[in-house]
Structure formats: structure tokens, C-alpha cells
C-alpha atoms as a PDB file:
ATOM      1  CA  MET A   1      45.021 122.870 137.618  1.00  0.00           C
ATOM      2  CA  ILE A   2      44.483 126.313 136.153  1.00  0.00           C
ATOM      3  CA  PRO A   3      42.945 126.245 132.653  1.00  0.00           C
ATOM      4  CA  ALA A   4      45.179 127.938 130.053  1.00  0.00           C
ATOM      5  CA  HIS A   5      42.429 130.292 128.882  1.00  0.00           C
ATOM      6  CA  LEU A   6      42.183 132.062 132.270  1.00  0.00           C
ATOM      7  CA  ALA A   7      44.102 135.306 132.549  1.00  0.00           C
ATOM      8  CA  PRO A   8      46.695 135.176 135.362  1.00  0.00           C
ATOM      9  CA  GLY A   9      45.623 137.372 138.242  1.00  0.00           C
ATOM     10  CA  SER A  10      41.951 137.465 137.209  1.00  0.00           C
ATOM     11  CA  ASP A  11      39.160 136.555 139.610  1.00  0.00           C
ATOM     12  CA  GLU A  12      38.600 133.408 137.556  1.00  0.00           C
ATOM     13  CA  TRP A  13      42.279 132.470 137.868  1.00  0.00           C
ATOM     14  CA  TYR A  14      42.214 132.732 141.674  1.00  0.00           C
ATOM     15  CA  MET A  15      38.884 130.881 141.790  1.00  0.00           C
ATOM     16  CA  SER A  16      40.441 128.008 139.862  1.00  0.00           C
ATOM     17  CA  LEU A  17      43.015 127.786 142.675  1.00  0.00           C
ATOM     18  CA  ALA A  18      40.142 127.636 145.163  1.00  0.00           C
ATOM     19  CA  LEU A  19      38.582 124.841 143.060  1.00  0.00           C
ATOM     20  CA  ASP A  20      41.863 122.921 143.295  1.00  0.00           C
ATOM     21  CA  GLU A  21      41.645 123.224 147.089  1.00  0.00           C
ATOM     22  CA  ALA A  22      38.042 122.000 146.949  1.00  0.00           C
ATOM     23  CA  LEU A  23      39.176 118.919 145.010  1.00  0.00           C
ATOM     24  CA  GLU A  24      41.702 118.203 147.805  1.00  0.00           C
ATOM     25  CA  ALA A  25      38.870 118.287 150.342  1.00  0.00           C
ATOM     26  CA  GLN A  26      36.829 115.929 148.205  1.00  0.00           C
ATOM     27  CA  ALA A  27      39.778 113.520 147.934  1.00  0.00           C
ATOM     28  CA  ARG A  28      39.860 113.407 151.761  1.00  0.00           C
ATOM     29  CA  GLY A  29      36.119 112.697 151.890  1.00  0.00           C
ATOM     30  CA  ASP A  30      35.225 116.184 153.069  1.00  0.00           C
ATOM     31  CA  VAL A  31      32.763 118.634 151.557  1.00  0.00           C
ATOM     32  CA  PRO A  32      34.536 120.055 148.476  1.00  0.00           C
ATOM     33  CA  ILE A  33      34.944 123.711 149.347  1.00  0.00           C
ATOM     34  CA  GLY A  34      38.167 125.619 148.797  1.00  0.00           C
ATOM     35  CA  ALA A  35      39.345 129.138 149.623  1.00  0.00           C
ATOM     36  CA  VAL A  36      42.270 131.417 148.723  1.00  0.00           C
ATOM     37  CA  VAL A  37      43.260 134.742 150.300  1.00  0.00           C
ATOM     38  CA  MET A  38      45.133 137.184 148.058  1.00  0.00           C
ATOM     39  CA  MET A  39      46.646 140.616 148.638  1.00  0.00           C
ATOM     40  CA  ASP A  40      48.227 142.759 145.925  1.00  0.00           C
ATOM     41  CA  GLY A  41      48.454 139.768 143.574  1.00  0.00           C
ATOM     42  CA  ARG A  42      50.214 137.614 146.148  1.00  0.00           C
ATOM     43  CA  ILE A  43      48.587 134.486 147.532  1.00  0.00           C
ATOM     44  CA  LEU A  44      48.723 134.596 151.330  1.00  0.00           C
ATOM     45  CA  SER A  45      46.883 131.356 152.019  1.00  0.00           C
ATOM     46  CA  ALA A  46      44.885 128.533 150.508  1.00  0.00           C
ATOM     47  CA  ALA A  47      42.729 126.053 152.384  1.00  0.00           C
ATOM     48  CA  SER A  48      40.062 123.425 151.968  1.00  0.00           C
ATOM     49  CA  ASN A  49      37.249 122.235 154.190  1.00  0.00           C
ATOM     50  CA  ARG A  50      38.244 120.021 157.127  1.00  0.00           C
ATOM     51  CA  LYS A  51      34.878 120.132 158.872  1.00  0.00           C
ATOM     52  CA  GLU A  52      34.359 116.385 159.106  1.00  0.00           C
ATOM     53  CA  ARG A  53      36.398 116.498 162.344  1.00  0.00           C
ATOM     54  CA  ASP A  54      35.776 120.102 163.415  1.00  0.00           C
ATOM     55  CA  PRO A  55      32.542 121.946 162.590  1.00  0.00           C
ATOM     56  CA  THR A  56      34.382 125.304 162.552  1.00  0.00           C
ATOM     57  CA  ALA A  57      37.127 124.152 160.141  1.00  0.00           C
ATOM     58  CA  HIS A  58      35.533 125.639 157.056  1.00  0.00           C
ATOM     59  CA  ALA A  59      37.864 126.518 154.199  1.00  0.00           C
ATOM     60  CA  GLU A  60      37.209 130.235 154.692  1.00  0.00           C
ATOM     61  CA  ILE A  61      38.078 130.178 158.404  1.00  0.00           C
ATOM     62  CA  LEU A  62      41.258 128.188 157.795  1.00  0.00           C
ATOM     63  CA  ALA A  63      42.317 130.521 154.953  1.00  0.00           C
ATOM     64  CA  ILE A  64      41.615 133.637 157.060  1.00  0.00           C
ATOM     65  CA  ARG A  65      43.592 132.239 160.018  1.00  0.00           C
ATOM     66  CA  SER A  66      46.529 131.383 157.793  1.00  0.00           C
ATOM     67  CA  ALA A  67      46.486 134.803 156.086  1.00  0.00           C
ATOM     68  CA  CYS A  68      46.473 136.547 159.472  1.00  0.00           C
ATOM     69  CA  GLU A  69      49.424 134.442 160.541  1.00  0.00           C
ATOM     70  CA  SER A  70      51.231 135.226 157.289  1.00  0.00           C
ATOM     71  CA  LEU A  71      50.741 138.980 157.718  1.00  0.00           C
ATOM     72  CA  GLY A  72      51.199 138.993 161.484  1.00  0.00           C
ATOM     73  CA  THR A  73      47.909 140.862 162.030  1.00  0.00           C
ATOM     74  CA  TRP A  74      44.195 140.223 162.363  1.00  0.00           C
ATOM     75  CA  ASN A  75      43.414 143.032 159.898  1.00  0.00           C
ATOM     76  CA  LEU A  76      43.021 141.755 156.348  1.00  0.00           C
ATOM     77  CA  GLY A  77      41.816 145.100 155.008  1.00  0.00           C
ATOM     78  CA  GLY A  78      43.728 144.882 151.756  1.00  0.00           C
ATOM     79  CA  CYS A  79      42.814 141.256 151.039  1.00  0.00           C
ATOM     80  CA  THR A  80      40.385 139.391 148.814  1.00  0.00           C
ATOM     81  CA  LEU A  81      38.943 136.010 149.750  1.00  0.00           C
ATOM     82  CA  PHE A  82      38.041 133.653 146.920  1.00  0.00           C
ATOM     83  CA  VAL A  83      35.805 130.734 147.913  1.00  0.00           C
ATOM     84  CA  THR A  84      33.981 128.169 145.806  1.00  0.00           C
ATOM     85  CA  VAL A  85      30.665 128.457 147.703  1.00  0.00           C
ATOM     86  CA  GLU A  86      28.868 131.394 149.306  1.00  0.00           C
ATOM     87  CA  PRO A  87      30.024 131.630 152.925  1.00  0.00           C
ATOM     88  CA  CYS A  88      27.835 130.643 155.862  1.00  0.00           C
ATOM     89  CA  PRO A  89      26.990 133.033 158.768  1.00  0.00           C
ATOM     90  CA  MET A  90      30.044 131.937 160.775  1.00  0.00           C
ATOM     91  CA  CYS A  91      32.448 132.556 157.901  1.00  0.00           C
ATOM     92  CA  ALA A  92      30.753 135.793 156.870  1.00  0.00           C
ATOM     93  CA  GLY A  93      31.105 137.031 160.465  1.00  0.00           C
ATOM     94  CA  ALA A  94      34.812 136.135 160.439  1.00  0.00           C
ATOM     95  CA  MET A  95      35.244 138.126 157.217  1.00  0.00           C
ATOM     96  CA  VAL A  96      33.683 141.203 158.795  1.00  0.00           C
ATOM     97  CA  LEU A  97      35.852 140.822 161.909  1.00  0.00           C
ATOM     98  CA  ALA A  98      38.981 140.418 159.786  1.00  0.00           C
ATOM     99  CA  ARG A  99      38.021 143.504 157.753  1.00  0.00           C
ATOM    100  CA  LEU A 100      38.392 141.698 154.440  1.00  0.00           C
ATOM    101  CA  ARG A 101      38.139 144.200 151.605  1.00  0.00           C
ATOM    102  CA  ARG A 102      36.566 141.895 149.059  1.00  0.00           C
ATOM    103  CA  LEU A 103      34.818 138.532 148.735  1.00  0.00           C
ATOM    104  CA  VAL A 104      34.560 136.579 145.491  1.00  0.00           C
ATOM    105  CA  PHE A 105      32.521 133.366 145.568  1.00  0.00           C
ATOM    106  CA  GLY A 106      31.513 130.744 143.051  1.00  0.00           C
ATOM    107  CA  CYS A 107      28.019 129.386 143.636  1.00  0.00           C
ATOM    108  CA  ALA A 108      25.231 130.538 145.933  1.00  0.00           C
ATOM    109  CA  ASP A 109      24.182 128.519 148.982  1.00  0.00           C
ATOM    110  CA  PRO A 110      20.386 128.635 149.300  1.00  0.00           C
ATOM    111  CA  ARG A 111      20.469 126.816 152.641  1.00  0.00           C
ATOM    112  CA  ALA A 112      23.118 128.785 154.542  1.00  0.00           C
ATOM    113  CA  GLY A 113      24.384 131.576 152.291  1.00  0.00           C
ATOM    114  CA  ALA A 114      25.193 134.672 154.332  1.00  0.00           C
ATOM    115  CA  CYS A 115      26.513 136.929 151.572  1.00  0.00           C
ATOM    116  CA  GLY A 116      23.364 137.766 149.684  1.00  0.00           C
ATOM    117  CA  THR A 117      21.262 134.608 149.340  1.00  0.00           C
ATOM    118  CA  LEU A 118      19.741 133.846 152.759  1.00  0.00           C
ATOM    119  CA  PHE A 119      21.438 136.618 154.778  1.00  0.00           C
ATOM    120  CA  ASP A 120      23.795 139.422 153.803  1.00  0.00           C
ATOM    121  CA  ILE A 121      26.122 139.772 156.778  1.00  0.00           C
ATOM    122  CA  VAL A 122      29.098 141.087 154.810  1.00  0.00           C
ATOM    123  CA  ARG A 123      27.119 144.075 153.490  1.00  0.00           C
ATOM    124  CA  ASP A 124      24.964 144.791 156.543  1.00  0.00           C
ATOM    125  CA  ALA A 125      25.123 148.559 157.179  1.00  0.00           C
ATOM    126  CA  ARG A 126      24.516 148.004 160.883  1.00  0.00           C
ATOM    127  CA  LEU A 127      27.972 146.410 161.243  1.00  0.00           C
ATOM    128  CA  ASN A 128      31.227 148.310 161.481  1.00  0.00           C
ATOM    129  CA  HIS A 129      32.699 146.881 158.271  1.00  0.00           C
ATOM    130  CA  ARG A 130      31.359 145.799 154.890  1.00  0.00           C
ATOM    131  CA  CYS A 131      32.970 143.785 152.093  1.00  0.00           C
ATOM    132  CA  LEU A 132      32.710 144.262 148.383  1.00  0.00           C
ATOM    133  CA  VAL A 133      31.149 141.123 146.912  1.00  0.00           C
ATOM    134  CA  ARG A 134      31.310 139.452 143.516  1.00  0.00           C
ATOM    135  CA  SER A 135      29.355 136.238 143.030  1.00  0.00           C
ATOM    136  CA  GLY A 136      29.032 133.625 140.297  1.00  0.00           C
ATOM    137  CA  VAL A 137      32.722 133.421 139.394  1.00  0.00           C
ATOM    138  CA  LEU A 138      33.160 129.940 137.830  1.00  0.00           C
ATOM    139  CA  GLY A 139      29.799 129.320 139.487  1.00  0.00           C
ATOM    140  CA  GLU A 140      28.770 126.406 137.279  1.00  0.00           C
ATOM    141  CA  GLU A 141      32.017 124.539 137.960  1.00  0.00           C
ATOM    142  CA  CYS A 142      31.717 125.176 141.707  1.00  0.00           C
ATOM    143  CA  ALA A 143      28.082 124.084 141.798  1.00  0.00           C
ATOM    144  CA  ARG A 144      28.802 120.955 139.724  1.00  0.00           C
ATOM    145  CA  LEU A 145      31.514 119.880 142.163  1.00  0.00           C
ATOM    146  CA  LEU A 146      29.219 120.250 145.194  1.00  0.00           C
ATOM    147  CA  THR A 147      26.206 118.663 143.511  1.00  0.00           C
ATOM    148  CA  GLY A 148      28.247 115.631 142.441  1.00  0.00           C
ATOM    149  CA  TYR A 149      29.648 115.227 145.950  1.00  0.00           C
ATOM    150  CA  PHE A 150      26.238 115.246 147.617  1.00  0.00           C
ATOM    151  CA  GLN A 151      24.693 112.958 144.998  1.00  0.00           C
ATOM    152  CA  ARG A 152      27.420 110.371 145.591  1.00  0.00           C
ATOM    153  CA  ARG A 153      27.021 110.723 149.331  1.00  0.00           C
ATOM    154  CA  ARG A 154      23.270 110.111 149.177  1.00  0.00           C
ATOM    155  CA  ARG A 155      23.844 106.950 147.106  1.00  0.00           C
ATOM    156  CA  ALA A 156      26.419 105.588 149.540  1.00  0.00           C
END
């Protein structure tokens, strides 16, 4: 649910939608990561992790696939992807291939982050496309959700 203090259409507002998706993943017993693809203020897709049955079914990949289907093209050049956690190398590569204009993520991933923490695939000048990146949006909330999930899992 979107907190009332967030301005509609702001990065924080869209990130709160991604957090809602992450909560859905958690309710299914999956890693709580959510993603939303937006273009010109319109939400094209929203997805949550489903990787417990498919290692490639990350929220970002599912959201990109759905946005491409919605637009009828592979080129997401005018789109922004909001995701609760810094994307991994696979997801960052998909963003470059889809020509996403912008990436906004919540918390960094020191183990697999490919958008500035461990690697920086989406801004690598050797590639044929680069994304604008904003990090740390609702980062504490995103990190808290992941930390709680993994703490509970270790205790189980």
C-alpha cells in the first residue's frame, strides 16, 4: 500500500509499488523482490520474484518481458524500471538489451549487484547502451524486507 506522504508519480511512489510486489513474493515463500516498469507515467508491468521454481524468473526479467509484451516491442527505450534490490548480472544484461532508459533501485546487493556495487554493467561504456541509474530509493525499507526474510529463513 502506498503511504499517503509519497507524491504520486515520484520515484518513491513507484518504488512503493515495487515493495508491494516484493511482499507478494514473500507471501509465496520466495525472495521478496519486486519490480515495476513505467513509461510516461503509465505502469506497463509489475512483477515479483518467482525464482524458487525457475532461476531466471527474477522480478526484473518478468517485468521486462511483460512490458515488452504490453508495448509489442523489445525496445524499452522510454521506460524506467523500479526494483527493490540492485539487479544481478543477468538482469542488468537484460536491461541493456532492452534499452531501458532508466533504472531506480532500493538497496544495494554487495554479493551480486551489477549496477554499481560489484559490477556496473548498465553503465559500462564498452556496451552499446547505458542506463541512467538512481539508487537508494526507499533503500532502508527494501533492505529491511530482505534482511528479515533471510533471518527467518536461517532460523527455519
